């Protein structure tokens, strides 16, 4: 049982490292923006949809925190990366 757990941990770490490496390799592609630029786009989109400044700022901060934690986010067709 312990050996199965250790194998699962090693596989999970390998997956996470490969995912991070792939994300860094794709960061220079066309259509990628930074998390901060994505947050500004989210705020502008929310303001266009009729949200107030506080609501738009809240959505922007939520996107930014999510993007910084996960390392990626999506705004329309654009991919935001940390």
N, C-alpha and C. Protein backbone atom coordinates (compact mmCIF):
# COMPACT_ATOMS: atom_id res chain seq x y z
N UNK A 1 0.83 -1.19 0.00
CA UNK A 1 0.00 0.00 0.00
C UNK A 1 0.87 1.26 0.00
N UNK A 2 1.92 1.20 0.80
CA UNK A 2 2.79 2.36 0.88
C UNK A 2 3.51 2.60 -0.46
N UNK A 3 3.88 1.52 -1.12
CA UNK A 3 4.55 1.63 -2.40
C UNK A 3 3.62 2.25 -3.44
N UNK A 4 2.35 1.88 -3.42
CA UNK A 4 1.38 2.46 -4.35
C UNK A 4 1.23 3.96 -4.09
N UNK A 5 1.22 4.36 -2.82
CA UNK A 5 1.12 5.78 -2.48
C UNK A 5 2.34 6.54 -3.00
N UNK A 6 3.52 5.97 -2.79
CA UNK A 6 4.75 6.63 -3.26
C UNK A 6 4.76 6.77 -4.78
N UNK A 7 4.29 5.75 -5.47
CA UNK A 7 4.21 5.81 -6.93
C UNK A 7 3.23 6.90 -7.37
N UNK A 8 2.10 6.98 -6.68
CA UNK A 8 1.10 8.00 -7.01
C UNK A 8 1.67 9.40 -6.80
N UNK A 9 2.42 9.60 -5.72
CA UNK A 9 3.02 10.91 -5.44
C UNK A 9 4.03 11.27 -6.52
N UNK A 10 4.87 10.32 -6.90
CA UNK A 10 5.88 10.57 -7.94
C UNK A 10 5.21 10.90 -9.27
N UNK A 11 4.16 10.17 -9.62
CA UNK A 11 3.44 10.45 -10.87
C UNK A 11 2.79 11.83 -10.84
N UNK A 12 2.20 12.21 -9.71
CA UNK A 12 1.59 13.53 -9.58
C UNK A 12 2.63 14.63 -9.72
N UNK A 13 3.76 14.47 -9.05
CA UNK A 13 4.82 15.48 -9.16
C UNK A 13 5.35 15.57 -10.59
N UNK A 14 5.49 14.44 -11.25
CA UNK A 14 5.93 14.45 -12.65
C UNK A 14 4.95 15.17 -13.55
N UNK A 15 3.66 14.92 -13.33
CA UNK A 15 2.63 15.61 -14.12
C UNK A 15 2.69 17.12 -13.89
N UNK A 16 2.80 17.53 -12.64
CA UNK A 16 2.82 18.96 -12.33
C UNK A 16 4.05 19.64 -12.92
N UNK A 17 5.19 18.98 -12.86
CA UNK A 17 6.41 19.56 -13.43
C UNK A 17 6.32 19.65 -14.95
N UNK A 18 5.77 18.63 -15.59
CA UNK A 18 5.62 18.66 -17.05
C UNK A 18 4.63 19.74 -17.47
N UNK A 19 3.55 19.89 -16.71
CA UNK A 19 2.56 20.92 -17.01
C UNK A 19 3.17 22.31 -16.90
N UNK A 20 3.96 22.54 -15.87
CA UNK A 20 4.60 23.84 -15.68
C UNK A 20 5.62 24.11 -16.79
N UNK A 21 6.38 23.10 -17.17
CA UNK A 21 7.36 23.28 -18.25
C UNK A 21 6.66 23.58 -19.57
N UNK A 22 5.57 22.90 -19.85
CA UNK A 22 4.81 23.15 -21.08
C UNK A 22 4.23 24.56 -21.07
N UNK A 23 3.74 24.99 -19.91
CA UNK A 23 3.16 26.33 -19.81
C UNK A 23 4.23 27.39 -20.06
N UNK A 24 5.43 27.19 -19.52
CA UNK A 24 6.51 28.15 -19.74
C UNK A 24 6.93 28.18 -21.21
N UNK A 25 6.92 27.03 -21.85
CA UNK A 25 7.29 26.97 -23.26
C UNK A 25 6.27 27.69 -24.14
N UNK A 26 5.00 27.67 -23.74
CA UNK A 26 3.95 28.31 -24.51
C UNK A 26 3.79 29.78 -24.19
N UNK A 27 4.49 30.28 -23.19
CA UNK A 27 4.29 31.67 -22.74
C UNK A 27 4.65 32.69 -23.81
N UNK A 28 5.56 32.35 -24.70
CA UNK A 28 5.97 33.30 -25.73
C UNK A 28 5.11 33.27 -26.98
N UNK A 29 4.11 32.42 -27.02
CA UNK A 29 3.28 32.30 -28.21
C UNK A 29 2.40 33.53 -28.40
N UNK A 30 1.97 33.72 -29.64
CA UNK A 30 1.04 34.80 -29.96
C UNK A 30 -0.29 34.49 -29.27
N UNK A 31 -0.91 35.51 -28.72
CA UNK A 31 -2.20 35.31 -28.07
C UNK A 31 -2.08 35.08 -26.58
N UNK A 32 -0.88 35.27 -26.02
CA UNK A 32 -0.73 35.15 -24.58
C UNK A 32 -0.48 36.53 -23.99
N UNK A 33 -1.00 36.73 -22.81
CA UNK A 33 -0.85 38.00 -22.09
C UNK A 33 -0.48 37.68 -20.65
N UNK A 34 -0.09 38.69 -19.90
CA UNK A 34 0.22 38.48 -18.49
C UNK A 34 -1.08 38.46 -17.68
N UNK A 35 -0.98 37.97 -16.46
CA UNK A 35 -2.15 37.92 -15.58
C UNK A 35 -2.69 39.33 -15.31
N UNK A 36 -1.78 40.29 -15.16
CA UNK A 36 -2.21 41.67 -14.89
C UNK A 36 -2.95 42.27 -16.08
N UNK A 37 -2.47 41.98 -17.28
CA UNK A 37 -3.17 42.46 -18.48
C UNK A 37 -4.54 41.80 -18.60
N UNK A 38 -4.61 40.52 -18.26
CA UNK A 38 -5.89 39.81 -18.29
C UNK A 38 -6.87 40.39 -17.30
N UNK A 39 -6.37 40.77 -16.12
CA UNK A 39 -7.24 41.36 -15.10
C UNK A 39 -7.82 42.69 -15.59
N UNK A 40 -7.01 43.47 -16.29
CA UNK A 40 -7.50 44.74 -16.84
C UNK A 40 -8.56 44.50 -17.91
N UNK A 41 -8.36 43.47 -18.73
CA UNK A 41 -9.36 43.13 -19.75
C UNK A 41 -10.67 42.67 -19.11
N UNK A 42 -10.57 41.91 -18.03
CA UNK A 42 -11.77 41.45 -17.32
C UNK A 42 -12.52 42.65 -16.75
N UNK A 43 -11.78 43.60 -16.19
CA UNK A 43 -12.42 44.79 -15.62
C UNK A 43 -13.11 45.61 -16.71
N UNK A 44 -12.43 45.80 -17.84
CA UNK A 44 -13.03 46.56 -18.94
C UNK A 44 -14.27 45.86 -19.48
N UNK A 45 -14.22 44.55 -19.58
CA UNK A 45 -15.37 43.78 -20.06
C UNK A 45 -16.54 43.90 -19.09
N UNK A 46 -16.25 43.85 -17.80
CA UNK A 46 -17.32 43.96 -16.80
C UNK A 46 -17.96 45.35 -16.84
N UNK A 47 -17.14 46.38 -17.03
CA UNK A 47 -17.69 47.74 -17.11
C UNK A 47 -18.58 47.89 -18.35
N UNK A 48 -18.18 47.26 -19.46
CA UNK A 48 -18.99 47.31 -20.68
C UNK A 48 -20.32 46.60 -20.50
N UNK A 49 -20.33 45.57 -19.66
CA UNK A 49 -21.55 44.80 -19.43
C UNK A 49 -22.49 45.48 -18.44
N UNK A 50 -22.07 46.61 -17.88
CA UNK A 50 -22.95 47.37 -17.01
C UNK A 50 -22.67 47.22 -15.53
N UNK A 51 -21.63 46.52 -15.15
CA UNK A 51 -21.28 46.42 -13.74
C UNK A 51 -20.72 47.76 -13.27
N UNK A 52 -20.90 48.05 -12.01
CA UNK A 52 -20.33 49.25 -11.43
C UNK A 52 -18.83 49.08 -11.25
N UNK A 53 -18.17 50.14 -10.82
CA UNK A 53 -16.72 50.10 -10.65
C UNK A 53 -16.31 49.09 -9.59
N UNK A 54 -17.07 49.01 -8.51
CA UNK A 54 -16.74 48.07 -7.43
C UNK A 54 -16.89 46.63 -7.91
N UNK A 55 -17.97 46.35 -8.63
CA UNK A 55 -18.19 45.00 -9.15
C UNK A 55 -17.14 44.61 -10.17
N UNK A 56 -16.79 45.54 -11.05
CA UNK A 56 -15.77 45.27 -12.06
C UNK A 56 -14.41 45.05 -11.42
N UNK A 57 -14.10 45.85 -10.40
CA UNK A 57 -12.83 45.68 -9.69
C UNK A 57 -12.78 44.34 -8.98
N UNK A 58 -13.91 43.93 -8.42
CA UNK A 58 -13.97 42.64 -7.74
C UNK A 58 -13.72 41.49 -8.72
N UNK A 59 -14.32 41.56 -9.89
CA UNK A 59 -14.09 40.52 -10.90
C UNK A 59 -12.64 40.52 -11.36
N UNK A 60 -12.08 41.70 -11.50
CA UNK A 60 -10.68 41.82 -11.92
C UNK A 60 -9.75 41.20 -10.88
N UNK A 61 -9.98 41.50 -9.61
CA UNK A 61 -9.15 40.96 -8.53
C UNK A 61 -9.30 39.45 -8.43
N UNK A 62 -10.53 38.96 -8.63
CA UNK A 62 -10.76 37.52 -8.59
C UNK A 62 -9.99 36.82 -9.71
N UNK A 63 -10.04 37.38 -10.91
CA UNK A 63 -9.30 36.80 -12.03
C UNK A 63 -7.80 36.82 -11.74
N UNK A 64 -7.31 37.94 -11.24
CA UNK A 64 -5.88 38.07 -10.99
C UNK A 64 -5.41 37.06 -9.94
N UNK A 65 -6.14 36.94 -8.85
CA UNK A 65 -5.72 35.99 -7.81
C UNK A 65 -5.76 34.56 -8.33
N UNK A 66 -6.79 34.23 -9.08
CA UNK A 66 -6.89 32.89 -9.65
C UNK A 66 -5.75 32.63 -10.63
N UNK A 67 -5.45 33.61 -11.45
CA UNK A 67 -4.40 33.47 -12.46
C UNK A 67 -3.03 33.32 -11.80
N UNK A 68 -2.78 34.09 -10.76
CA UNK A 68 -1.49 34.02 -10.09
C UNK A 68 -1.32 32.70 -9.34
N UNK A 69 -2.40 32.16 -8.79
CA UNK A 69 -2.31 30.90 -8.06
C UNK A 69 -2.10 29.73 -9.01
N UNK A 70 -2.90 29.68 -10.08
CA UNK A 70 -2.82 28.55 -11.00
C UNK A 70 -1.74 28.73 -12.07
N UNK A 71 -1.35 29.97 -12.32
CA UNK A 71 -0.35 30.24 -13.35
C UNK A 71 -0.94 30.50 -14.71
N UNK A 72 -2.27 30.45 -14.82
CA UNK A 72 -2.92 30.68 -16.12
C UNK A 72 -4.36 31.12 -15.92
N UNK A 73 -4.89 31.75 -16.94
CA UNK A 73 -6.28 32.17 -16.96
C UNK A 73 -6.67 32.44 -18.41
N UNK A 74 -7.95 32.52 -18.67
CA UNK A 74 -8.40 32.74 -20.05
C UNK A 74 -9.39 33.89 -20.08
N UNK A 75 -9.13 34.82 -21.01
CA UNK A 75 -10.02 35.95 -21.25
C UNK A 75 -10.39 35.91 -22.72
N UNK A 76 -11.57 35.46 -23.01
CA UNK A 76 -11.98 35.30 -24.41
C UNK A 76 -11.09 34.28 -25.09
N UNK A 77 -10.43 34.70 -26.17
CA UNK A 77 -9.53 33.81 -26.90
C UNK A 77 -8.09 33.92 -26.42
N UNK A 78 -7.82 34.84 -25.51
CA UNK A 78 -6.46 35.06 -25.03
C UNK A 78 -6.18 34.20 -23.80
N UNK A 79 -4.95 33.75 -23.70
CA UNK A 79 -4.50 32.97 -22.55
C UNK A 79 -3.58 33.86 -21.73
N UNK A 80 -3.92 34.02 -20.45
CA UNK A 80 -3.08 34.80 -19.54
C UNK A 80 -2.19 33.84 -18.77
N UNK A 81 -0.92 34.19 -18.68
CA UNK A 81 0.04 33.34 -17.96
C UNK A 81 0.84 34.21 -17.01
N UNK A 82 1.26 33.58 -15.93
CA UNK A 82 2.06 34.26 -14.92
C UNK A 82 3.48 34.42 -15.40
